[in-house]
Amino acid sequence: MLKQLLANEYFIPLFIGFGFGVLTRVLLLRTDYRQYPTSPHGKIIHLSLGIIASSLGAVAVPALLKENYTAITFLTVAAQQFRDVRKMERDTLTEVDKHELVPRGGSYIEGIAMAFEGRNYLVIFVAFVTTFATVLFAWWGGLIAGIVTMGIGLKYKSGKTLGHIVDIVPAEVKMDEYNLSVGDIYIMNVGSEDAQEQIRKHGMGFILVPKNQNAKVTIANLGQRQAILHDTATMLGVYRDEGEPSLVPMAKRDLRTGRIGLFLLPLTRDVSKAEQVIVHVPLLEYASRIPKEAPINQTAPSNDQ
């Protein structure tokens, strides 16, 4: 049985393609500071899906070469299954988000769910290309193709971060009677004297200065702002408990300039560490805007009186 299997002309291509696909999914699967996917059960789910995706990508090559086009239709079924994975991740994270002191927000959750769906398609691509190259150029061609496509996958596993579009400036947290501000940006009214004292003791402020018009519109998005607050609370902790509205971290916009005033209440009061956390907050795909690319913004301003 083993000899017959090894004698099959597609055994080595399938083996190499499948192996690179699974390896890609393993390298893309990492439990980070967000503690997601959970370990071990969340990882088991995603590794299992990665194995399925790798199998689909590898098997598609022999099906095409033998002109078995009917077999290719299973890829459409697989795509539907991976869309269901995206829905599962969205529903799970939405439920978990209800119990966070500083929630992720819908835009952040949708971005995470979309990333897990997209990575399965990336695994299919790596397995398909690697298997096809092995068929064409023997095992060495498959190894080269596998390394190149896996490298591409790892390069594009994540997008830009907040540090690409804003300058981060530490700012003083000020209490003027009942008015809380970060630098010159008003945040909120705090009536409780106890809350005021806690803010003076634990409060930390930053001002996010957009580098261009696109950045100004992007950081105005409420989902992007909530992602910043969630990541800083996750990394540095948050000095609050449920039912304390005066001790909620906030991000408020200066309407004149488009800057964002960031008010934080971290357990670890370290300005340099907080700045690094903010720099590495991911730019959400659903929050990113590029108004400068619109044709209307490419023309010179009118001089009509």
C-alpha atoms as a PDB file:
ATOM      1  CA  MET A   1       0.000   0.000   0.000  1.00  0.00           C
ATOM      2  CA  LEU A   2       2.793   2.374   0.931  1.00  0.00           C
ATOM      3  CA  LYS A   3       4.710   1.527  -2.248  1.00  0.00           C
ATOM      4  CA  GLN A   4       1.628   2.265  -4.356  1.00  0.00           C
ATOM      5  CA  LEU A   5       1.181   5.568  -2.577  1.00  0.00           C
ATOM      6  CA  LEU A   6       4.806   6.578  -3.120  1.00  0.00           C
ATOM      7  CA  ALA A   7       4.571   5.527  -6.776  1.00  0.00           C
ATOM      8  CA  ASN A   8       1.734   7.954  -7.412  1.00  0.00           C
ATOM      9  CA  GLU A   9       3.011  10.827  -9.572  1.00  0.00           C
ATOM     10  CA  TYR A  10       1.252  13.422  -7.438  1.00  0.00           C
ATOM     11  CA  PHE A  11       2.291  12.123  -4.010  1.00  0.00           C
ATOM     12  CA  ILE A  12       5.431  14.274  -3.637  1.00  0.00           C
ATOM     13  CA  PRO A  13       3.787  17.476  -5.006  1.00  0.00           C
ATOM     14  CA  LEU A  14       0.801  16.982  -2.719  1.00  0.00           C
ATOM     15  CA  PHE A  15       3.020  16.265   0.271  1.00  0.00           C
ATOM     16  CA  ILE A  16       5.210  19.345  -0.270  1.00  0.00           C
ATOM     17  CA  GLY A  17       2.262  21.636  -1.029  1.00  0.00           C
ATOM     18  CA  PHE A  18       0.294  20.395   1.965  1.00  0.00           C
ATOM     19  CA  GLY A  19       3.328  20.742   4.239  1.00  0.00           C
ATOM     20  CA  PHE A  20       4.036  24.358   3.248  1.00  0.00           C
ATOM     21  CA  GLY A  21       0.360  25.252   3.608  1.00  0.00           C
ATOM     22  CA  VAL A  22       0.170  23.869   7.142  1.00  0.00           C
ATOM     23  CA  LEU A  23       3.507  25.467   8.064  1.00  0.00           C
ATOM     24  CA  THR A  24       2.221  28.837   6.848  1.00  0.00           C
ATOM     25  CA  ARG A  25      -0.872  28.548   9.051  1.00  0.00           C
ATOM     26  CA  VAL A  26       1.252  27.573  12.057  1.00  0.00           C
ATOM     27  CA  LEU A  27       3.494  30.626  11.573  1.00  0.00           C
ATOM     28  CA  LEU A  28       0.476  32.919  11.129  1.00  0.00           C
ATOM     29  CA  LEU A  29      -1.208  31.583  14.262  1.00  0.00           C
ATOM     30  CA  ARG A  30       0.016  33.476  17.305  1.00  0.00           C
ATOM     31  CA  THR A  31      -1.674  34.280  20.583  1.00  0.00           C
ATOM     32  CA  ASP A  32      -0.644  37.878  21.272  1.00  0.00           C
ATOM     33  CA  TYR A  33      -1.405  40.460  23.960  1.00  0.00           C
ATOM     34  CA  ARG A  34      -5.105  40.322  23.047  1.00  0.00           C
ATOM     35  CA  GLN A  35      -5.051  36.697  24.220  1.00  0.00           C
ATOM     36  CA  TYR A  36      -6.826  35.613  21.058  1.00  0.00           C
ATOM     37  CA  PRO A  37      -7.038  32.988  19.715  1.00  0.00           C
ATOM     38  CA  THR A  38      -7.252  31.310  23.075  1.00  0.00           C
ATOM     39  CA  SER A  39      -4.911  28.490  23.945  1.00  0.00           C
ATOM     40  CA  PRO A  40      -5.254  25.593  23.474  1.00  0.00           C
ATOM     41  CA  HIS A  41      -8.807  25.245  22.125  1.00  0.00           C
ATOM     42  CA  GLY A  42      -8.862  28.332  19.922  1.00  0.00           C
ATOM     43  CA  LYS A  43      -5.551  27.301  18.392  1.00  0.00           C
ATOM     44  CA  ILE A  44      -6.792  23.763  17.784  1.00  0.00           C
ATOM     45  CA  ILE A  45      -9.807  25.107  15.870  1.00  0.00           C
ATOM     46  CA  HIS A  46      -7.704  27.348  13.634  1.00  0.00           C
ATOM     47  CA  LEU A  47      -4.994  24.759  13.037  1.00  0.00           C
ATOM     48  CA  SER A  48      -7.677  22.268  12.000  1.00  0.00           C
ATOM     49  CA  LEU A  49      -9.108  24.779   9.549  1.00  0.00           C
ATOM     50  CA  GLY A  50      -5.572  25.449   8.280  1.00  0.00           C
ATOM     51  CA  ILE A  51      -5.077  21.744   7.578  1.00  0.00           C
ATOM     52  CA  ILE A  52      -8.354  21.656   5.649  1.00  0.00           C
ATOM     53  CA  ALA A  53      -7.418  24.785   3.678  1.00  0.00           C
ATOM     54  CA  SER A  54      -3.975  23.374   2.864  1.00  0.00           C
ATOM     55  CA  SER A  55      -5.514  20.105   1.658  1.00  0.00           C
ATOM     56  CA  LEU A  56      -7.921  21.982  -0.609  1.00  0.00           C
ATOM     57  CA  GLY A  57      -5.163  24.072  -2.171  1.00  0.00           C
ATOM     58  CA  ALA A  58      -2.909  21.083  -2.819  1.00  0.00           C
ATOM     59  CA  VAL A  59      -5.610  18.757  -4.185  1.00  0.00           C
ATOM     60  CA  ALA A  60      -6.883  21.444  -6.583  1.00  0.00           C
ATOM     61  CA  VAL A  61      -3.740  21.064  -8.733  1.00  0.00           C
ATOM     62  CA  PRO A  62      -4.179  17.367  -9.703  1.00  0.00           C
ATOM     63  CA  ALA A  63      -7.895  18.020 -10.245  1.00  0.00           C
ATOM     64  CA  LEU A  64      -7.083  20.791 -12.732  1.00  0.00           C
ATOM     65  CA  LEU A  65      -4.340  18.846 -14.508  1.00  0.00           C
ATOM     66  CA  LYS A  66      -6.648  15.832 -14.959  1.00  0.00           C
ATOM     67  CA  GLU A  67      -9.370  18.196 -16.227  1.00  0.00           C
ATOM     68  CA  ASN A  68     -11.653  17.146 -13.408  1.00  0.00           C
ATOM     69  CA  TYR A  69     -13.304  20.554 -13.278  1.00  0.00           C
ATOM     70  CA  THR A  70     -16.240  19.259 -11.280  1.00  0.00           C
ATOM     71  CA  ALA A  71     -13.873  18.600  -8.364  1.00  0.00           C
ATOM     72  CA  ILE A  72     -12.868  22.283  -8.366  1.00  0.00           C
ATOM     73  CA  THR A  73     -16.370  23.258  -7.283  1.00  0.00           C
ATOM     74  CA  PHE A  74     -15.531  22.104  -3.770  1.00  0.00           C
ATOM     75  CA  LEU A  75     -13.437  25.284  -3.477  1.00  0.00           C
ATOM     76  CA  THR A  76     -16.650  27.323  -3.557  1.00  0.00           C
ATOM     77  CA  VAL A  77     -18.029  25.159  -0.758  1.00  0.00           C
ATOM     78  CA  ALA A  78     -14.822  25.732   1.203  1.00  0.00           C
ATOM     79  CA  ALA A  79     -15.136  29.499   0.695  1.00  0.00           C
ATOM     80  CA  GLN A  80     -18.620  29.383   2.217  1.00  0.00           C
ATOM     81  CA  GLN A  81     -17.271  27.428   5.187  1.00  0.00           C
ATOM     82  CA  PHE A  82     -14.538  29.989   5.793  1.00  0.00           C
ATOM     83  CA  ARG A  83     -17.128  32.782   5.656  1.00  0.00           C
ATOM     84  CA  ASP A  84     -18.965  30.882   8.372  1.00  0.00           C
ATOM     85  CA  VAL A  85     -15.704  30.873  10.361  1.00  0.00           C
ATOM     86  CA  ARG A  86     -15.655  34.644  10.075  1.00  0.00           C
ATOM     87  CA  LYS A  87     -19.215  34.811  11.416  1.00  0.00           C
ATOM     88  CA  MET A  88     -18.292  32.450  14.262  1.00  0.00           C
ATOM     89  CA  GLU A  89     -15.337  34.642  15.264  1.00  0.00           C
ATOM     90  CA  ARG A  90     -17.475  37.775  15.077  1.00  0.00           C
ATOM     91  CA  ASP A  91     -20.207  36.296  17.269  1.00  0.00           C
ATOM     92  CA  THR A  92     -17.716  34.915  19.798  1.00  0.00           C
ATOM     93  CA  LEU A  93     -15.788  38.161  20.175  1.00  0.00           C
ATOM     94  CA  THR A  94     -18.992  40.204  20.373  1.00  0.00           C
ATOM     95  CA  GLU A  95     -20.148  38.111  23.327  1.00  0.00           C
ATOM     96  CA  VAL A  96     -16.751  38.320  25.022  1.00  0.00           C
ATOM     97  CA  ASP A  97     -16.663  42.085  24.451  1.00  0.00           C
ATOM     98  CA  LYS A  98     -19.679  42.566  26.718  1.00  0.00           C
ATOM     99  CA  HIS A  99     -17.511  41.669  29.711  1.00  0.00           C
ATOM    100  CA  GLU A 100     -14.546  43.936  28.934  1.00  0.00           C
ATOM    101  CA  LEU A 101     -13.950  47.011  31.117  1.00  0.00           C
ATOM    102  CA  VAL A 102     -12.776  48.750  27.938  1.00  0.00           C
ATOM    103  CA  PRO A 103     -14.463  47.012  24.951  1.00  0.00           C
ATOM    104  CA  ARG A 104     -12.826  46.392  21.592  1.00  0.00           C
ATOM    105  CA  GLY A 105     -15.728  47.784  19.614  1.00  0.00           C
ATOM    106  CA  GLY A 106     -17.447  46.427  16.513  1.00  0.00           C
ATOM    107  CA  SER A 107     -14.851  47.651  13.987  1.00  0.00           C
ATOM    108  CA  TYR A 108     -11.974  45.976  15.814  1.00  0.00           C
ATOM    109  CA  ILE A 109     -13.930  42.714  16.135  1.00  0.00           C
ATOM    110  CA  GLU A 110     -14.809  42.709  12.437  1.00  0.00           C
ATOM    111  CA  GLY A 111     -11.151  43.264  11.553  1.00  0.00           C
ATOM    112  CA  ILE A 112     -10.032  40.276  13.655  1.00  0.00           C
ATOM    113  CA  ALA A 113     -12.737  38.052  12.159  1.00  0.00           C
ATOM    114  CA  MET A 114     -11.803  39.102   8.624  1.00  0.00           C
ATOM    115  CA  ALA A 115      -8.114  38.384   9.303  1.00  0.00           C
ATOM    116  CA  PHE A 116      -8.870  34.793  10.339  1.00  0.00           C
ATOM    117  CA  GLU A 117     -10.952  34.232   7.217  1.00  0.00           C
ATOM    118  CA  GLY A 118      -8.329  35.767   4.948  1.00  0.00           C
ATOM    119  CA  ARG A 119      -5.516  33.672   6.377  1.00  0.00           C
ATOM    120  CA  ASN A 120      -7.284  30.482   5.322  1.00  0.00           C
ATOM    121  CA  TYR A 121      -7.387  31.757   1.735  1.00  0.00           C
ATOM    122  CA  LEU A 122      -3.689  32.589   2.042  1.00  0.00           C
ATOM    123  CA  VAL A 123      -2.982  28.986   3.084  1.00  0.00           C
ATOM    124  CA  ILE A 124      -4.898  27.716   0.023  1.00  0.00           C
ATOM    125  CA  PHE A 125      -2.786  30.003  -2.193  1.00  0.00           C
ATOM    126  CA  VAL A 126       0.529  28.794  -0.691  1.00  0.00           C
ATOM    127  CA  ALA A 127      -0.442  25.112  -0.985  1.00  0.00           C
ATOM    128  CA  PHE A 128      -1.726  25.550  -4.569  1.00  0.00           C
ATOM    129  CA  VAL A 129       1.337  27.413  -5.864  1.00  0.00           C
ATOM    130  CA  THR A 130       3.776  25.074  -4.102  1.00  0.00           C
ATOM    131  CA  THR A 131       2.071  21.940  -5.435  1.00  0.00           C
ATOM    132  CA  PHE A 132       1.886  23.351  -8.968  1.00  0.00           C
ATOM    133  CA  ALA A 133       5.566  24.349  -8.922  1.00  0.00           C
ATOM    134  CA  THR A 134       6.533  20.851  -7.715  1.00  0.00           C
ATOM    135  CA  VAL A 135       4.626  19.272 -10.603  1.00  0.00           C
ATOM    136  CA  LEU A 136       6.353  21.566 -13.113  1.00  0.00           C
ATOM    137  CA  PHE A 137       9.917  21.666 -11.758  1.00  0.00           C
ATOM    138  CA  ALA A 138      10.246  18.670  -9.400  1.00  0.00           C
ATOM    139  CA  TRP A 139      10.755  18.889  -5.639  1.00  0.00           C
ATOM    140  CA  TRP A 140      13.307  21.720  -5.727  1.00  0.00           C
ATOM    141  CA  GLY A 141      10.881  23.963  -7.605  1.00  0.00           C
ATOM    142  CA  GLY A 142       8.237  23.289  -4.975  1.00  0.00           C
ATOM    143  CA  LEU A 143      10.621  24.182  -2.153  1.00  0.00           C
ATOM    144  CA  ILE A 144      11.545  27.487  -3.790  1.00  0.00           C
ATOM    145  CA  ALA A 145       7.912  28.343  -4.536  1.00  0.00           C
ATOM    146  CA  GLY A 146       6.865  27.339  -1.017  1.00  0.00           C
ATOM    147  CA  ILE A 147       9.495  29.513   0.646  1.00  0.00           C
ATOM    148  CA  VAL A 148       8.677  32.515  -1.577  1.00  0.00           C
ATOM    149  CA  THR A 149       4.889  32.295  -1.164  1.00  0.00           C
ATOM    150  CA  MET A 150       5.193  31.654   2.566  1.00  0.00           C
ATOM    151  CA  GLY A 151       7.418  34.717   2.851  1.00  0.00           C
ATOM    152  CA  ILE A 152       4.812  36.782   1.001  1.00  0.00           C
ATOM    153  CA  GLY A 153       2.134  35.506   3.363  1.00  0.00           C
ATOM    154  CA  LEU A 154       4.134  36.399   6.466  1.00  0.00           C
ATOM    155  CA  LYS A 155       4.918  39.838   5.065  1.00  0.00           C
ATOM    156  CA  TYR A 156       1.255  40.678   4.528  1.00  0.00           C
ATOM    157  CA  LYS A 157      -0.111  38.981   7.658  1.00  0.00           C
ATOM    158  CA  SER A 158      -0.739  42.388   9.235  1.00  0.00           C
ATOM    159  CA  GLY A 159      -1.266  45.903   7.979  1.00  0.00           C
ATOM    160  CA  LYS A 160      -0.155  49.353   9.084  1.00  0.00           C
ATOM    161  CA  THR A 161      -0.227  50.662  12.621  1.00  0.00           C
ATOM    162  CA  LEU A 162      -1.222  53.979  14.154  1.00  0.00           C
ATOM    163  CA  GLY A 163       2.391  55.158  14.192  1.00  0.00           C
ATOM    164  CA  HIS A 164       2.299  55.376  10.379  1.00  0.00           C
ATOM    165  CA  ILE A 165      -0.337  58.105  10.338  1.00  0.00           C
ATOM    166  CA  VAL A 166      -0.018  60.146  13.559  1.00  0.00           C
ATOM    167  CA  ASP A 167       2.567  61.801  15.755  1.00  0.00           C
ATOM    168  CA  ILE A 168       2.072  60.979  19.441  1.00  0.00           C
ATOM    169  CA  VAL A 169       2.691  63.797  21.910  1.00  0.00           C
ATOM    170  CA  PRO A 170       2.493  63.305  25.706  1.00  0.00           C
ATOM    171  CA  ALA A 171       0.182  65.928  27.254  1.00  0.00           C
ATOM    172  CA  GLU A 172      -0.770  67.059  30.733  1.00  0.00           C
ATOM    173  CA  VAL A 173      -4.031  65.841  32.252  1.00  0.00           C
ATOM    174  CA  LYS A 174      -5.676  68.916  33.803  1.00  0.00           C
ATOM    175  CA  MET A 175      -8.641  69.320  36.156  1.00  0.00           C
ATOM    176  CA  ASP A 176     -10.067  72.855  36.016  1.00  0.00           C
ATOM    177  CA  GLU A 177     -12.737  72.653  38.712  1.00  0.00           C
ATOM    178  CA  TYR A 178     -15.029  70.010  37.150  1.00  0.00           C
ATOM    179  CA  ASN A 179     -13.603  70.126  33.618  1.00  0.00           C
ATOM    180  CA  LEU A 180     -11.134  67.463  32.552  1.00  0.00           C
ATOM    181  CA  SER A 181      -8.826  68.202  29.621  1.00  0.00           C
ATOM    182  CA  VAL A 182      -5.780  66.699  27.970  1.00  0.00           C
ATOM    183  CA  GLY A 183      -3.542  69.557  26.900  1.00  0.00           C
ATOM    184  CA  ASP A 184      -5.937  72.046  25.328  1.00  0.00           C
ATOM    185  CA  ILE A 185      -8.539  69.415  24.338  1.00  0.00           C
ATOM    186  CA  TYR A 186     -11.634  69.166  26.532  1.00  0.00           C
ATOM    187  CA  ILE A 187     -12.526  65.598  27.529  1.00  0.00           C
ATOM    188  CA  MET A 188     -15.494  65.607  29.929  1.00  0.00           C
ATOM    189  CA  ASN A 189     -17.061  66.968  33.102  1.00  0.00           C
ATOM    190  CA  VAL A 190     -16.183  65.123  36.322  1.00  0.00           C
ATOM    191  CA  GLY A 191     -18.452  65.923  39.267  1.00  0.00           C
ATOM    192  CA  SER A 192     -17.225  63.438  41.870  1.00  0.00           C
ATOM    193  CA  GLU A 193     -14.398  64.741  44.055  1.00  0.00           C
ATOM    194  CA  ASP A 194     -13.165  61.193  44.631  1.00  0.00           C
ATOM    195  CA  ALA A 195     -13.021  60.609  40.847  1.00  0.00           C
ATOM    196  CA  GLN A 196     -11.155  63.888  40.412  1.00  0.00           C
ATOM    197  CA  GLU A 197      -8.566  62.774  42.952  1.00  0.00           C
ATOM    198  CA  GLN A 198      -8.109  59.421  41.194  1.00  0.00           C
ATOM    199  CA  ILE A 199      -7.711  61.179  37.854  1.00  0.00           C
ATOM    200  CA  ARG A 200      -5.039  63.493  39.244  1.00  0.00           C
ATOM    201  CA  LYS A 201      -3.191  60.526  40.704  1.00  0.00           C
ATOM    202  CA  HIS A 202      -3.476  57.968  37.878  1.00  0.00           C
ATOM    203  CA  GLY A 203      -4.443  59.941  34.754  1.00  0.00           C
ATOM    204  CA  MET A 204      -2.220  60.030  31.683  1.00  0.00           C
ATOM    205  CA  GLY A 205      -2.734  62.012  28.502  1.00  0.00           C
ATOM    206  CA  PHE A 206      -1.560  62.014  24.885  1.00  0.00           C
ATOM    207  CA  ILE A 207      -2.439  64.072  21.838  1.00  0.00           C
ATOM    208  CA  LEU A 208      -2.509  62.317  18.471  1.00  0.00           C
ATOM    209  CA  VAL A 209      -1.544  64.714  15.674  1.00  0.00           C
ATOM    210  CA  PRO A 210      -2.559  63.466  12.183  1.00  0.00           C
ATOM    211  CA  LYS A 211       0.173  63.604   9.554  1.00  0.00           C
ATOM    212  CA  ASN A 212      -2.178  64.347   6.642  1.00  0.00           C
ATOM    213  CA  GLN A 213      -5.821  64.688   5.626  1.00  0.00           C
ATOM    214  CA  ASN A 214      -6.316  60.932   5.311  1.00  0.00           C
ATOM    215  CA  ALA A 215      -5.024  60.414   8.843  1.00  0.00           C
ATOM    216  CA  LYS A 216      -7.305  63.141  10.170  1.00  0.00           C
ATOM    217  CA  VAL A 217     -10.394  61.364   8.844  1.00  0.00           C
ATOM    218  CA  THR A 218      -9.185  57.907   9.894  1.00  0.00           C
ATOM    219  CA  ILE A 219      -8.567  58.739  13.559  1.00  0.00           C
ATOM    220  CA  ALA A 220     -11.921  60.531  13.711  1.00  0.00           C
ATOM    221  CA  ASN A 221     -13.559  57.112  13.293  1.00  0.00           C
ATOM    222  CA  LEU A 222     -15.090  55.981  16.584  1.00  0.00           C
ATOM    223  CA  GLY A 223     -14.084  52.360  15.986  1.00  0.00           C
ATOM    224  CA  GLN A 224     -10.422  53.319  15.542  1.00  0.00           C
ATOM    225  CA  ARG A 225     -10.492  55.418  18.696  1.00  0.00           C
ATOM    226  CA  GLN A 226     -12.061  52.564  20.661  1.00  0.00           C
ATOM    227  CA  ALA A 227      -9.345  50.202  19.408  1.00  0.00           C
ATOM    228  CA  ILE A 228      -6.701  52.559  20.820  1.00  0.00           C
ATOM    229  CA  LEU A 229      -8.400  52.656  24.209  1.00  0.00           C
ATOM    230  CA  HIS A 230      -8.830  48.871  24.291  1.00  0.00           C
ATOM    231  CA  ASP A 231      -5.213  48.086  23.405  1.00  0.00           C
ATOM    232  CA  THR A 232      -3.804  50.520  25.960  1.00  0.00           C
ATOM    233  CA  ALA A 233      -6.109  49.104  28.649  1.00  0.00           C
ATOM    234  CA  THR A 234      -5.088  45.552  27.713  1.00  0.00           C
ATOM    235  CA  MET A 235      -1.355  46.264  27.808  1.00  0.00           C
ATOM    236  CA  LEU A 236      -1.189  48.701  30.728  1.00  0.00           C
ATOM    237  CA  GLY A 237      -4.292  47.763  32.708  1.00  0.00           C
ATOM    238  CA  VAL A 238      -7.064  50.205  33.593  1.00  0.00           C
ATOM    239  CA  TYR A 239      -7.786  51.872  36.941  1.00  0.00           C
ATOM    240  CA  ARG A 240     -11.547  51.414  37.078  1.00  0.00           C
ATOM    241  CA  ASP A 241     -14.328  48.957  37.755  1.00  0.00           C
ATOM    242  CA  GLU A 242     -17.867  48.495  36.485  1.00  0.00           C
ATOM    243  CA  GLY A 243     -20.284  51.295  37.327  1.00  0.00           C
ATOM    244  CA  GLU A 244     -17.701  54.102  37.426  1.00  0.00           C
ATOM    245  CA  PRO A 245     -18.471  56.346  34.432  1.00  0.00           C
ATOM    246  CA  SER A 246     -16.090  59.072  35.630  1.00  0.00           C
ATOM    247  CA  LEU A 247     -13.119  56.691  35.343  1.00  0.00           C
ATOM    248  CA  VAL A 248     -13.624  55.622  31.740  1.00  0.00           C
ATOM    249  CA  PRO A 249     -10.685  56.177  29.330  1.00  0.00           C
ATOM    250  CA  MET A 250     -11.765  58.459  26.499  1.00  0.00           C
ATOM    251  CA  ALA A 251     -10.590  59.788  23.148  1.00  0.00           C
ATOM    252  CA  LYS A 252     -12.051  63.164  22.157  1.00  0.00           C
ATOM    253  CA  ARG A 253     -11.536  65.079  18.947  1.00  0.00           C
ATOM    254  CA  ASP A 254     -10.507  68.690  18.547  1.00  0.00           C
ATOM    255  CA  LEU A 255     -12.956  69.811  15.875  1.00  0.00           C
ATOM    256  CA  ARG A 256     -10.732  72.674  14.677  1.00  0.00           C
ATOM    257  CA  THR A 257      -7.562  70.714  13.996  1.00  0.00           C
ATOM    258  CA  GLY A 258      -8.621  67.049  13.868  1.00  0.00           C
ATOM    259  CA  ARG A 259      -6.238  66.129  16.687  1.00  0.00           C
ATOM    260  CA  ILE A 260      -7.307  63.476  19.206  1.00  0.00           C
ATOM    261  CA  GLY A 261      -6.959  63.968  22.952  1.00  0.00           C
ATOM    262  CA  LEU A 262      -6.361  60.615  24.634  1.00  0.00           C
ATOM    263  CA  PHE A 263      -7.227  60.282  28.320  1.00  0.00           C
ATOM    264  CA  LEU A 264      -5.988  57.063  29.963  1.00  0.00           C
ATOM    265  CA  LEU A 265      -6.137  55.596  33.463  1.00  0.00           C
ATOM    266  CA  PRO A 266      -3.487  52.864  33.377  1.00  0.00           C
ATOM    267  CA  LEU A 267      -2.446  50.660  36.268  1.00  0.00           C
ATOM    268  CA  THR A 268       1.129  50.918  34.964  1.00  0.00           C
ATOM    269  CA  ARG A 269       1.830  54.645  34.691  1.00  0.00           C
ATOM    270  CA  ASP A 270       4.725  54.586  32.244  1.00  0.00           C
ATOM    271  CA  VAL A 271       4.659  57.283  29.544  1.00  0.00           C
ATOM    272  CA  SER A 272       7.247  55.691  27.228  1.00  0.00           C
ATOM    273  CA  LYS A 273       5.591  52.271  27.436  1.00  0.00           C
ATOM    274  CA  ALA A 274       2.157  53.773  26.775  1.00  0.00           C
ATOM    275  CA  GLU A 275       3.531  55.640  23.765  1.00  0.00           C
ATOM    276  CA  GLN A 276       4.908  52.394  22.315  1.00  0.00           C
ATOM    277  CA  VAL A 277       1.547  50.680  22.811  1.00  0.00           C
ATOM    278  CA  ILE A 278      -0.261  53.487  20.968  1.00  0.00           C
ATOM    279  CA  VAL A 279       2.279  53.413  18.117  1.00  0.00           C
ATOM    280  CA  HIS A 280       1.567  49.714  17.513  1.00  0.00           C
ATOM    281  CA  VAL A 281      -2.243  49.871  17.627  1.00  0.00           C
ATOM    282  CA  PRO A 282      -3.389  48.366  14.288  1.00  0.00           C
ATOM    283  CA  LEU A 283      -5.083  50.572  11.714  1.00  0.00           C
ATOM    284  CA  LEU A 284      -8.515  49.076  11.223  1.00  0.00           C
ATOM    285  CA  GLU A 285      -9.444  48.360   7.613  1.00  0.00           C
ATOM    286  CA  TYR A 286     -13.013  49.493   8.225  1.00  0.00           C
ATOM    287  CA  ALA A 287     -11.800  52.771   9.726  1.00  0.00           C
ATOM    288  CA  SER A 288      -9.168  53.727   7.123  1.00  0.00           C
ATOM    289  CA  ARG A 289     -10.184  56.537   4.791  1.00  0.00           C
ATOM    290  CA  ILE A 290      -8.354  58.159   1.856  1.00  0.00           C
ATOM    291  CA  PRO A 291     -10.253  61.362   0.961  1.00  0.00           C
ATOM    292  CA  LYS A 292      -7.103  62.838  -0.618  1.00  0.00           C
ATOM    293  CA  GLU A 293      -7.423  60.251  -3.416  1.00  0.00           C
ATOM    294  CA  ALA A 294     -10.867  61.487  -4.439  1.00  0.00           C
ATOM    295  CA  PRO A 295     -10.870  63.389  -7.772  1.00  0.00           C
ATOM    296  CA  ILE A 296     -12.568  66.388  -6.149  1.00  0.00           C
ATOM    297  CA  ASN A 297      -9.606  66.763  -3.783  1.00  0.00           C
ATOM    298  CA  GLN A 298      -7.068  66.545  -6.599  1.00  0.00           C
ATOM    299  CA  THR A 299      -8.113  69.833  -8.168  1.00  0.00           C
ATOM    300  CA  ALA A 300      -6.876  73.244  -7.068  1.00  0.00           C
ATOM    301  CA  PRO A 301      -9.213  75.183  -4.761  1.00  0.00           C
ATOM    302  CA  SER A 302     -11.526  77.659  -6.437  1.00  0.00           C
ATOM    303  CA  ASN A 303     -10.799  81.387  -6.141  1.00  0.00           C
ATOM    304  CA  ASP A 304     -14.431  82.406  -6.623  1.00  0.00           C
ATOM    305  CA  GLN A 305     -15.592  85.101  -4.191  1.00  0.00           C
END
